[in-house]
Structure formats: structure tokens, C-alpha cells
Amino acid sequence: TMGWYRQAPGKQRELVATITSGGGINDADSVKGRFTISRDNAKNT
């Protein structure tokens, strides 16, 4: 699994989105429809 989290000043770190090696995605309600996570398994990126 690879993903992104974010932390604003004075706030807890929170989930943005994650993606599994098989392409399964979990993202936060606050970014749905605006952010897109993707990965290139061959490049580990």
C-alpha cells in the first residue's frame, strides 16, 4: 500500500488517500471528486 496523508498546523495528521498494489483506493470524503491517487508499481511511485 502507498498513500498520502496531510497535516495542517495545530491539527492531527489525516488520511488523504491510499492505493493498494492491486489498485484498491481509499480516500477521504474531503477530497473525493477533486484528488486522484495512482501508482506505477514498476517504478514504485
All heavy atoms as atom14 arrays in JSON, in Angstrom:
{
  "sequence": "TMGWYRQAPGKQRELVATITSGGGINDADSVKGRFTISRDNAKNT",
  "atom14_mask": [
    [1, 1, 1, 1, 1, 1, 1, 0, 0, 0, 0, 0, 0, 0],
    [1, 1, 1, 1, 1, 1, 1, 1, 0, 0, 0, 0, 0, 0],
    [1, 1, 1, 1, 0, 0, 0, 0, 0, 0, 0, 0, 0, 0],
    [1, 1, 1, 1, 1, 1, 1, 1, 1, 1, 1, 1, 1, 1],
    [1, 1, 1, 1, 1, 1, 1, 1, 1, 1, 1, 1, 0, 0],
    [1, 1, 1, 1, 1, 1, 1, 1, 1, 1, 1, 0, 0, 0],
    [1, 1, 1, 1, 1, 1, 1, 1, 1, 0, 0, 0, 0, 0],
    [1, 1, 1, 1, 1, 0, 0, 0, 0, 0, 0, 0, 0, 0],
    [1, 1, 1, 1, 1, 1, 1, 0, 0, 0, 0, 0, 0, 0],
    [1, 1, 1, 1, 0, 0, 0, 0, 0, 0, 0, 0, 0, 0],
    [1, 1, 1, 1, 1, 1, 1, 1, 1, 0, 0, 0, 0, 0],
    [1, 1, 1, 1, 1, 1, 1, 1, 1, 0, 0, 0, 0, 0],
    [1, 1, 1, 1, 1, 1, 1, 1, 1, 1, 1, 0, 0, 0],
    [1, 1, 1, 1, 1, 1, 1, 1, 1, 0, 0, 0, 0, 0],
    [1, 1, 1, 1, 1, 1, 1, 1, 0, 0, 0, 0, 0, 0],
    [1, 1, 1, 1, 1, 1, 1, 0, 0, 0, 0, 0, 0, 0],
    [1, 1, 1, 1, 1, 0, 0, 0, 0, 0, 0, 0, 0, 0],
    [1, 1, 1, 1, 1, 1, 1, 0, 0, 0, 0, 0, 0, 0],
    [1, 1, 1, 1, 1, 1, 1, 1, 0, 0, 0, 0, 0, 0],
    [1, 1, 1, 1, 1, 1, 1, 0, 0, 0, 0, 0, 0, 0],
    [1, 1, 1, 1, 1, 1, 0, 0, 0, 0, 0, 0, 0, 0],
    [1, 1, 1, 1, 0, 0, 0, 0, 0, 0, 0, 0, 0, 0],
    [1, 1, 1, 1, 0, 0, 0, 0, 0, 0, 0, 0, 0, 0],
    [1, 1, 1, 1, 0, 0, 0, 0, 0, 0, 0, 0, 0, 0],
    [1, 1, 1, 1, 1, 1, 1, 1, 0, 0, 0, 0, 0, 0],
    [1, 1, 1, 1, 1, 1, 1, 1, 0, 0, 0, 0, 0, 0],
    [1, 1, 1, 1, 1, 1, 1, 1, 0, 0, 0, 0, 0, 0],
    [1, 1, 1, 1, 1, 0, 0, 0, 0, 0, 0, 0, 0, 0],
    [1, 1, 1, 1, 1, 1, 1, 1, 0, 0, 0, 0, 0, 0],
    [1, 1, 1, 1, 1, 1, 0, 0, 0, 0, 0, 0, 0, 0],
    [1, 1, 1, 1, 1, 1, 1, 0, 0, 0, 0, 0, 0, 0],
    [1, 1, 1, 1, 1, 1, 1, 1, 1, 0, 0, 0, 0, 0],
    [1, 1, 1, 1, 0, 0, 0, 0, 0, 0, 0, 0, 0, 0],
    [1, 1, 1, 1, 1, 1, 1, 1, 1, 1, 1, 0, 0, 0],
    [1, 1, 1, 1, 1, 1, 1, 1, 1, 1, 1, 0, 0, 0],
    [1, 1, 1, 1, 1, 1, 1, 0, 0, 0, 0, 0, 0, 0],
    [1, 1, 1, 1, 1, 1, 1, 1, 0, 0, 0, 0, 0, 0],
    [1, 1, 1, 1, 1, 1, 0, 0, 0, 0, 0, 0, 0, 0],
    [1, 1, 1, 1, 1, 1, 1, 1, 1, 1, 1, 0, 0, 0],
    [1, 1, 1, 1, 1, 1, 1, 1, 0, 0, 0, 0, 0, 0],
    [1, 1, 1, 1, 1, 1, 1, 1, 0, 0, 0, 0, 0, 0],
    [1, 1, 1, 1, 1, 0, 0, 0, 0, 0, 0, 0, 0, 0],
    [1, 1, 1, 1, 1, 1, 1, 1, 1, 0, 0, 0, 0, 0],
    [1, 1, 1, 1, 1, 1, 1, 1, 0, 0, 0, 0, 0, 0],
    [1, 1, 1, 1, 1, 1, 1, 0, 0, 0, 0, 0, 0, 0]
  ],
  "atom14_positions": [
    [[0.83, -1.19, 0.0], [0.0, 0.0, 0.0], [0.87, 1.24, 0.0], [1.86, 1.32, 0.73], [-0.93, 0.03, 1.22], [-1.71, -1.16, 1.26], [-1.87, 1.23, 1.17], [0.0, 0.0, 0.0], [0.0, 0.0, 0.0], [0.0, 0.0, 0.0], [0.0, 0.0, 0.0], [0.0, 0.0, 0.0], [0.0, 0.0, 0.0], [0.0, 0.0, 0.0]],
    [[0.51, 2.22, -0.82], [1.13, 3.53, -0.79], [0.02, 4.57, -0.67], [-1.11, 4.34, -1.1], [1.96, 3.8, -2.04], [3.11, 2.82, -2.23], [4.21, 3.27, -3.61], [5.11, 4.64, -2.87], [0.0, 0.0, 0.0], [0.0, 0.0, 0.0], [0.0, 0.0, 0.0], [0.0, 0.0, 0.0], [0.0, 0.0, 0.0], [0.0, 0.0, 0.0]],
    [[0.37, 5.7, -0.08], [-0.66, 6.7, 0.08], [-0.12, 8.04, 0.52], [1.09, 8.26, 0.64], [0.0, 0.0, 0.0], [0.0, 0.0, 0.0], [0.0, 0.0, 0.0], [0.0, 0.0, 0.0], [0.0, 0.0, 0.0], [0.0, 0.0, 0.0], [0.0, 0.0, 0.0], [0.0, 0.0, 0.0], [0.0, 0.0, 0.0], [0.0, 0.0, 0.0]],
    [[-1.07, 8.93, 0.74], [-0.78, 10.29, 1.15], [-1.57, 10.66, 2.38], [-2.77, 10.36, 2.47], [-1.12, 11.27, 0.02], [-0.27, 11.1, -1.2], [-0.53, 10.33, -2.29], [1.0, 11.71, -1.43], [0.48, 10.43, -3.2], [1.44, 11.27, -2.7], [1.8, 12.59, -0.71], [2.66, 11.67, -3.26], [3.01, 12.99, -1.25], [3.42, 12.53, -2.51]],
    [[-0.91, 11.32, 3.31], [-1.52, 11.91, 4.49], [-1.12, 13.37, 4.53], [-0.16, 13.78, 3.91], [-1.07, 11.19, 5.76], [-1.56, 9.76, 5.85], [-1.01, 8.76, 5.06], [-2.58, 9.41, 6.73], [-1.46, 7.45, 5.13], [-3.03, 8.11, 6.82], [-2.47, 7.14, 6.02], [-2.92, 5.84, 6.1], [0.0, 0.0, 0.0], [0.0, 0.0, 0.0]],
    [[-1.86, 14.16, 5.29], [-1.52, 15.57, 5.4], [-1.7, 16.05, 6.83], [-2.49, 15.49, 7.59], [-2.35, 16.42, 4.44], [-3.84, 16.47, 4.75], [-4.58, 17.2, 3.64], [-6.0, 17.32, 3.93], [-6.89, 17.81, 3.06], [-6.5, 18.23, 1.86], [-8.18, 17.88, 3.41], [0.0, 0.0, 0.0], [0.0, 0.0, 0.0], [0.0, 0.0, 0.0]],
    [[-0.98, 17.1, 7.16], [-1.05, 17.68, 8.49], [-0.96, 19.19, 8.39], [0.03, 19.73, 7.91], [0.06, 17.14, 9.39], [-0.06, 17.57, 10.84], [0.89, 16.81, 11.74], [1.92, 16.31, 11.3], [0.54, 16.71, 13.01], [0.0, 0.0, 0.0], [0.0, 0.0, 0.0], [0.0, 0.0, 0.0], [0.0, 0.0, 0.0], [0.0, 0.0, 0.0]],
    [[-2.0, 19.86, 8.84], [-2.02, 21.31, 8.92], [-1.51, 21.74, 10.29], [-1.58, 20.98, 11.26], [-3.42, 21.84, 8.67], [0.0, 0.0, 0.0], [0.0, 0.0, 0.0], [0.0, 0.0, 0.0], [0.0, 0.0, 0.0], [0.0, 0.0, 0.0], [0.0, 0.0, 0.0], [0.0, 0.0, 0.0], [0.0, 0.0, 0.0], [0.0, 0.0, 0.0]],
    [[-1.01, 22.97, 10.41], [-0.52, 23.44, 11.71], [-1.58, 23.33, 12.79], [-2.72, 23.76, 12.61], [-0.15, 24.9, 11.44], [0.16, 24.94, 9.98], [-0.8, 23.98, 9.35], [0.0, 0.0, 0.0], [0.0, 0.0, 0.0], [0.0, 0.0, 0.0], [0.0, 0.0, 0.0], [0.0, 0.0, 0.0], [0.0, 0.0, 0.0], [0.0, 0.0, 0.0]],
    [[-1.2, 22.75, 13.92], [-2.11, 22.61, 15.04], [-3.13, 21.5, 14.91], [-3.99, 21.37, 15.79], [0.0, 0.0, 0.0], [0.0, 0.0, 0.0], [0.0, 0.0, 0.0], [0.0, 0.0, 0.0], [0.0, 0.0, 0.0], [0.0, 0.0, 0.0], [0.0, 0.0, 0.0], [0.0, 0.0, 0.0], [0.0, 0.0, 0.0], [0.0, 0.0, 0.0]],
    [[-3.06, 20.71, 13.86], [-4.02, 19.64, 13.65], [-3.33, 18.28, 13.57], [-2.12, 18.19, 13.38], [-4.82, 19.88, 12.36], [-5.71, 21.11, 12.4], [-6.58, 21.2, 11.16], [-7.53, 22.37, 11.23], [-8.4, 22.43, 10.03], [0.0, 0.0, 0.0], [0.0, 0.0, 0.0], [0.0, 0.0, 0.0], [0.0, 0.0, 0.0], [0.0, 0.0, 0.0]],
    [[-4.13, 17.24, 13.73], [-3.62, 15.88, 13.61], [-3.39, 15.52, 12.15], [-4.04, 16.05, 11.25], [-4.62, 14.89, 14.22], [-4.86, 15.08, 15.71], [-3.66, 14.69, 16.53], [-3.03, 13.66, 16.27], [-3.33, 15.5, 17.52], [0.0, 0.0, 0.0], [0.0, 0.0, 0.0], [0.0, 0.0, 0.0], [0.0, 0.0, 0.0], [0.0, 0.0, 0.0]],
    [[-2.45, 14.62, 11.95], [-2.24, 14.09, 10.61], [-3.47, 13.28, 10.2], [-4.0, 12.49, 10.99], [-0.98, 13.23, 10.57], [-0.59, 12.79, 9.18], [0.75, 12.07, 9.17], [1.84, 12.94, 9.62], [3.12, 12.61, 9.59], [3.49, 11.43, 9.11], [4.04, 13.46, 10.03], [0.0, 0.0, 0.0], [0.0, 0.0, 0.0], [0.0, 0.0, 0.0]],
    [[-3.9, 13.46, 8.96], [-5.11, 12.8, 8.5], [-4.89, 12.13, 7.15], [-4.05, 12.54, 6.35], [-6.27, 13.79, 8.39], [-6.06, 14.87, 7.34], [-7.25, 15.81, 7.21], [-8.27, 15.58, 7.89], [-7.16, 16.77, 6.42], [0.0, 0.0, 0.0], [0.0, 0.0, 0.0], [0.0, 0.0, 0.0], [0.0, 0.0, 0.0], [0.0, 0.0, 0.0]],
    [[-5.69, 11.12, 6.91], [-5.66, 10.41, 5.64], [-6.11, 11.31, 4.5], [-7.1, 12.03, 4.62], [-6.57, 9.19, 5.71], [-6.89, 8.49, 4.39], [-5.69, 7.69, 3.9], [-8.11, 7.59, 4.54], [0.0, 0.0, 0.0], [0.0, 0.0, 0.0], [0.0, 0.0, 0.0], [0.0, 0.0, 0.0], [0.0, 0.0, 0.0], [0.0, 0.0, 0.0]],
    [[-5.39, 11.25, 3.39], [-5.85, 11.83, 2.14], [-6.35, 10.71, 1.22], [-7.53, 10.67, 0.85], [-4.76, 12.65, 1.44], [-5.27, 13.18, 0.1], [-4.3, 13.79, 2.34], [0.0, 0.0, 0.0], [0.0, 0.0, 0.0], [0.0, 0.0, 0.0], [0.0, 0.0, 0.0], [0.0, 0.0, 0.0], [0.0, 0.0, 0.0], [0.0, 0.0, 0.0]],
    [[-5.46, 9.79, 0.87], [-5.84, 8.67, 0.02], [-4.76, 7.61, 0.08], [-3.59, 7.92, 0.27], [-6.06, 9.12, -1.43], [0.0, 0.0, 0.0], [0.0, 0.0, 0.0], [0.0, 0.0, 0.0], [0.0, 0.0, 0.0], [0.0, 0.0, 0.0], [0.0, 0.0, 0.0], [0.0, 0.0, 0.0], [0.0, 0.0, 0.0], [0.0, 0.0, 0.0]],
    [[-5.16, 6.36, -0.08], [-4.23, 5.26, -0.2], [-4.62, 4.39, -1.38], [-5.78, 4.39, -1.81], [-4.17, 4.38, 1.06], [-5.46, 3.8, 1.3], [-3.74, 5.19, 2.27], [0.0, 0.0, 0.0], [0.0, 0.0, 0.0], [0.0, 0.0, 0.0], [0.0, 0.0, 0.0], [0.0, 0.0, 0.0], [0.0, 0.0, 0.0], [0.0, 0.0, 0.0]],
    [[-3.65, 3.63, -1.88], [-3.9, 2.74, -3.0], [-3.08, 1.47, -2.8], [-1.91, 1.53, -2.44], [-3.59, 3.43, -4.35], [-3.93, 2.52, -5.53], [-2.13, 3.88, -4.41], [-3.92, 3.25, -6.86], [0.0, 0.0, 0.0], [0.0, 0.0, 0.0], [0.0, 0.0, 0.0], [0.0, 0.0, 0.0], [0.0, 0.0, 0.0], [0.0, 0.0, 0.0]],
    [[-3.71, 0.33, -3.01], [-3.03, -0.94, -2.86], [-2.33, -1.33, -4.16], [-2.53, -0.71, -5.2], [-4.02, -2.05, -2.47], [-4.89, -2.32, -3.58], [-4.84, -1.65, -1.26], [0.0, 0.0, 0.0], [0.0, 0.0, 0.0], [0.0, 0.0, 0.0], [0.0, 0.0, 0.0], [0.0, 0.0, 0.0], [0.0, 0.0, 0.0], [0.0, 0.0, 0.0]],
    [[-1.51, -2.37, -4.07], [-0.82, -2.84, -5.26], [-1.79, -3.33, -6.32], [-1.46, -3.3, -7.51], [0.16, -3.96, -4.89], [-0.51, -5.06, -4.3], [0.0, 0.0, 0.0], [0.0, 0.0, 0.0], [0.0, 0.0, 0.0], [0.0, 0.0, 0.0], [0.0, 0.0, 0.0], [0.0, 0.0, 0.0], [0.0, 0.0, 0.0], [0.0, 0.0, 0.0]],
    [[-2.97, -3.77, -5.91], [-3.99, -4.2, -6.85], [-4.88, -3.1, -7.37], [-5.76, -3.37, -8.19], [0.0, 0.0, 0.0], [0.0, 0.0, 0.0], [0.0, 0.0, 0.0], [0.0, 0.0, 0.0], [0.0, 0.0, 0.0], [0.0, 0.0, 0.0], [0.0, 0.0, 0.0], [0.0, 0.0, 0.0], [0.0, 0.0, 0.0], [0.0, 0.0, 0.0]],
    [[-4.69, -1.87, -6.9], [-5.46, -0.74, -7.39], [-6.63, -0.32, -6.52], [-7.37, 0.59, -6.9], [0.0, 0.0, 0.0], [0.0, 0.0, 0.0], [0.0, 0.0, 0.0], [0.0, 0.0, 0.0], [0.0, 0.0, 0.0], [0.0, 0.0, 0.0], [0.0, 0.0, 0.0], [0.0, 0.0, 0.0], [0.0, 0.0, 0.0], [0.0, 0.0, 0.0]],
    [[-6.81, -0.97, -5.38], [-7.88, -0.57, -4.49], [-7.59, 0.77, -3.83], [-6.5, 1.0, -3.32], [0.0, 0.0, 0.0], [0.0, 0.0, 0.0], [0.0, 0.0, 0.0], [0.0, 0.0, 0.0], [0.0, 0.0, 0.0], [0.0, 0.0, 0.0], [0.0, 0.0, 0.0], [0.0, 0.0, 0.0], [0.0, 0.0, 0.0], [0.0, 0.0, 0.0]],
    [[-8.58, 1.66, -3.82], [-8.39, 3.02, -3.35], [-9.26, 3.31, -2.15], [-10.44, 2.93, -2.1], [-8.71, 4.02, -4.48], [-7.67, 3.89, -5.6], [-8.74, 5.45, -3.94], [-7.99, 4.7, -6.84], [0.0, 0.0, 0.0], [0.0, 0.0, 0.0], [0.0, 0.0, 0.0], [0.0, 0.0, 0.0], [0.0, 0.0, 0.0], [0.0, 0.0, 0.0]],
    [[-8.68, 3.99, -1.18], [-9.4, 4.51, -0.03], [-9.05, 5.99, 0.08], [-7.88, 6.33, 0.19], [-9.0, 3.78, 1.24], [-9.72, 4.29, 2.47], [-10.87, 4.7, 2.41], [-9.04, 4.25, 3.62], [0.0, 0.0, 0.0], [0.0, 0.0, 0.0], [0.0, 0.0, 0.0], [0.0, 0.0, 0.0], [0.0, 0.0, 0.0], [0.0, 0.0, 0.0]],
    [[-10.05, 6.87, 0.02], [-9.77, 8.29, 0.11], [-10.73, 8.98, 1.06], [-11.81, 8.47, 1.37], [-9.75, 8.97, -1.26], [-11.01, 8.75, -2.08], [-12.01, 8.24, -1.53], [-11.0, 9.1, -3.28], [0.0, 0.0, 0.0], [0.0, 0.0, 0.0], [0.0, 0.0, 0.0], [0.0, 0.0, 0.0], [0.0, 0.0, 0.0], [0.0, 0.0, 0.0]],
    [[-10.33, 10.15, 1.5], [-11.1, 10.9, 2.46], [-12.27, 11.59, 1.79], [-12.19, 12.01, 0.63], [-10.22, 11.93, 3.16], [0.0, 0.0, 0.0], [0.0, 0.0, 0.0], [0.0, 0.0, 0.0], [0.0, 0.0, 0.0], [0.0, 0.0, 0.0], [0.0, 0.0, 0.0], [0.0, 0.0, 0.0], [0.0, 0.0, 0.0], [0.0, 0.0, 0.0]],
    [[-13.37, 11.74, 2.54], [-14.53, 12.43, 2.0], [-14.21, 13.86, 1.56], [-14.79, 14.37, 0.59], [-15.66, 12.46, 3.03], [-16.27, 11.1, 3.27], [-16.11, 10.2, 2.41], [-16.91, 10.92, 4.32], [0.0, 0.0, 0.0], [0.0, 0.0, 0.0], [0.0, 0.0, 0.0], [0.0, 0.0, 0.0], [0.0, 0.0, 0.0], [0.0, 0.0, 0.0]],
    [[-13.29, 14.5, 2.25], [-12.97, 15.89, 1.97], [-12.3, 16.1, 0.61], [-12.26, 17.23, 0.12], [-12.07, 16.46, 3.07], [-10.86, 15.73, 3.16], [0.0, 0.0, 0.0], [0.0, 0.0, 0.0], [0.0, 0.0, 0.0], [0.0, 0.0, 0.0], [0.0, 0.0, 0.0], [0.0, 0.0, 0.0], [0.0, 0.0, 0.0], [0.0, 0.0, 0.0]],
    [[-11.77, 15.03, 0.02], [-11.07, 15.18, -1.26], [-11.74, 14.42, -2.39], [-11.27, 14.49, -3.54], [-9.59, 14.75, -1.15], [-8.9, 15.49, -0.02], [-9.47, 13.23, -0.96], [0.0, 0.0, 0.0], [0.0, 0.0, 0.0], [0.0, 0.0, 0.0], [0.0, 0.0, 0.0], [0.0, 0.0, 0.0], [0.0, 0.0, 0.0], [0.0, 0.0, 0.0]],
    [[-12.81, 13.71, -2.1], [-13.5, 12.96, -3.15], [-13.94, 13.87, -4.28], [-14.5, 14.94, -4.07], [-14.71, 12.23, -2.57], [-14.38, 11.02, -1.72], [-15.64, 10.29, -1.29], [-15.35, 9.16, -0.32], [-14.47, 8.13, -0.87], [0.0, 0.0, 0.0], [0.0, 0.0, 0.0], [0.0, 0.0, 0.0], [0.0, 0.0, 0.0], [0.0, 0.0, 0.0]],
    [[-13.68, 13.42, -5.5], [-14.05, 14.19, -6.67], [-13.05, 15.25, -7.07], [-13.18, 15.84, -8.15], [0.0, 0.0, 0.0], [0.0, 0.0, 0.0], [0.0, 0.0, 0.0], [0.0, 0.0, 0.0], [0.0, 0.0, 0.0], [0.0, 0.0, 0.0], [0.0, 0.0, 0.0], [0.0, 0.0, 0.0], [0.0, 0.0, 0.0], [0.0, 0.0, 0.0]],
    [[-12.06, 15.51, -6.22], [-11.06, 16.53, -6.51], [-9.65, 15.96, -6.63], [-8.89, 16.41, -7.48], [-11.07, 17.61, -5.42], [-12.4, 18.33, -5.28], [-12.29, 19.52, -4.33], [-11.91, 19.1, -2.98], [-10.82, 19.52, -2.35], [-9.98, 20.37, -2.96], [-10.55, 19.11, -1.13], [0.0, 0.0, 0.0], [0.0, 0.0, 0.0], [0.0, 0.0, 0.0]],
    [[-9.32, 15.0, -5.77], [-7.99, 14.4, -5.78], [-8.06, 12.99, -6.36], [-9.02, 12.26, -6.11], [-7.42, 14.3, -4.36], [-7.11, 15.61, -3.7], [-7.46, 16.82, -4.27], [-6.45, 15.62, -2.48], [-7.17, 18.03, -3.65], [-6.15, 16.81, -1.84], [-6.51, 18.02, -2.43], [0.0, 0.0, 0.0], [0.0, 0.0, 0.0], [0.0, 0.0, 0.0]],
    [[-7.03, 12.61, -7.08], [-6.93, 11.28, -7.64], [-5.57, 10.68, -7.32], [-4.54, 11.28, -7.64], [-7.14, 11.29, -9.17], [-8.41, 11.86, -9.48], [-7.08, 9.87, -9.72], [0.0, 0.0, 0.0], [0.0, 0.0, 0.0], [0.0, 0.0, 0.0], [0.0, 0.0, 0.0], [0.0, 0.0, 0.0], [0.0, 0.0, 0.0], [0.0, 0.0, 0.0]],
    [[-5.58, 9.52, -6.68], [-4.34, 8.82, -6.38], [-4.11, 7.74, -7.43], [-5.05, 7.11, -7.91], [-4.36, 8.23, -4.96], [-2.98, 7.7, -4.56], [-5.42, 7.14, -4.83], [-2.87, 7.33, -3.09], [0.0, 0.0, 0.0], [0.0, 0.0, 0.0], [0.0, 0.0, 0.0], [0.0, 0.0, 0.0], [0.0, 0.0, 0.0], [0.0, 0.0, 0.0]],
    [[-2.85, 7.54, -7.79], [-2.49, 6.5, -8.73], [-1.08, 6.02, -8.4], [-0.36, 6.66, -7.63], [-2.57, 7.0, -10.18], [-1.68, 8.07, -10.4], [0.0, 0.0, 0.0], [0.0, 0.0, 0.0], [0.0, 0.0, 0.0], [0.0, 0.0, 0.0], [0.0, 0.0, 0.0], [0.0, 0.0, 0.0], [0.0, 0.0, 0.0], [0.0, 0.0, 0.0]],
    [[-0.7, 4.9, -8.97], [0.65, 4.39, -8.73], [1.17, 3.64, -9.94], [0.41, 3.11, -10.75], [0.69, 3.48, -7.49], [-0.05, 2.16, -7.64], [-0.1, 1.41, -6.31], [1.2, 0.83, -5.95], [1.44, 0.2, -4.79], [0.47, 0.1, -3.87], [2.64, -0.31, -4.54], [0.0, 0.0, 0.0], [0.0, 0.0, 0.0], [0.0, 0.0, 0.0]],
    [[2.48, 3.62, -10.03], [3.19, 2.85, -11.04], [3.99, 1.81, -10.28], [5.03, 2.12, -9.69], [4.09, 3.76, -11.87], [4.76, 3.04, -13.02], [4.97, 1.82, -12.93], [5.09, 3.71, -14.02], [0.0, 0.0, 0.0], [0.0, 0.0, 0.0], [0.0, 0.0, 0.0], [0.0, 0.0, 0.0], [0.0, 0.0, 0.0], [0.0, 0.0, 0.0]],
    [[3.51, 0.58, -10.27], [4.15, -0.46, -9.49], [5.57, -0.75, -9.98], [6.46, -1.05, -9.18], [3.32, -1.74, -9.53], [2.03, -1.63, -8.75], [1.93, -0.86, -7.8], [1.02, -2.39, -9.16], [0.0, 0.0, 0.0], [0.0, 0.0, 0.0], [0.0, 0.0, 0.0], [0.0, 0.0, 0.0], [0.0, 0.0, 0.0], [0.0, 0.0, 0.0]],
    [[5.79, -0.67, -11.28], [7.1, -0.94, -11.83], [8.14, 0.08, -11.36], [9.32, -0.26, -11.21], [7.04, -0.97, -13.35], [0.0, 0.0, 0.0], [0.0, 0.0, 0.0], [0.0, 0.0, 0.0], [0.0, 0.0, 0.0], [0.0, 0.0, 0.0], [0.0, 0.0, 0.0], [0.0, 0.0, 0.0], [0.0, 0.0, 0.0], [0.0, 0.0, 0.0]],
    [[7.71, 1.3, -11.11], [8.61, 2.35, -10.67], [8.52, 2.62, -9.17], [9.21, 3.51, -8.66], [8.34, 3.65, -11.43], [8.57, 3.55, -12.92], [8.67, 4.92, -13.58], [7.38, 5.69, -13.5], [7.47, 6.97, -14.27], [0.0, 0.0, 0.0], [0.0, 0.0, 0.0], [0.0, 0.0, 0.0], [0.0, 0.0, 0.0], [0.0, 0.0, 0.0]],
    [[7.68, 1.87, -8.47], [7.47, 2.07, -7.04], [7.18, 3.53, -6.71], [7.75, 4.11, -5.79], [8.67, 1.57, -6.24], [8.78, 0.06, -6.24], [7.79, -0.64, -6.07], [10.0, -0.45, -6.42], [0.0, 0.0, 0.0], [0.0, 0.0, 0.0], [0.0, 0.0, 0.0], [0.0, 0.0, 0.0], [0.0, 0.0, 0.0], [0.0, 0.0, 0.0]],
    [[6.29, 4.1, -7.48], [5.97, 5.51, -7.37], [4.46, 5.7, -7.22], [3.68, 5.03, -7.9], [6.47, 6.29, -8.59], [7.89, 6.15, -8.69], [6.14, 7.76, -8.48], [0.0, 0.0, 0.0], [0.0, 0.0, 0.0], [0.0, 0.0, 0.0], [0.0, 0.0, 0.0], [0.0, 0.0, 0.0], [0.0, 0.0, 0.0], [0.0, 0.0, 0.0]]
  ]
}
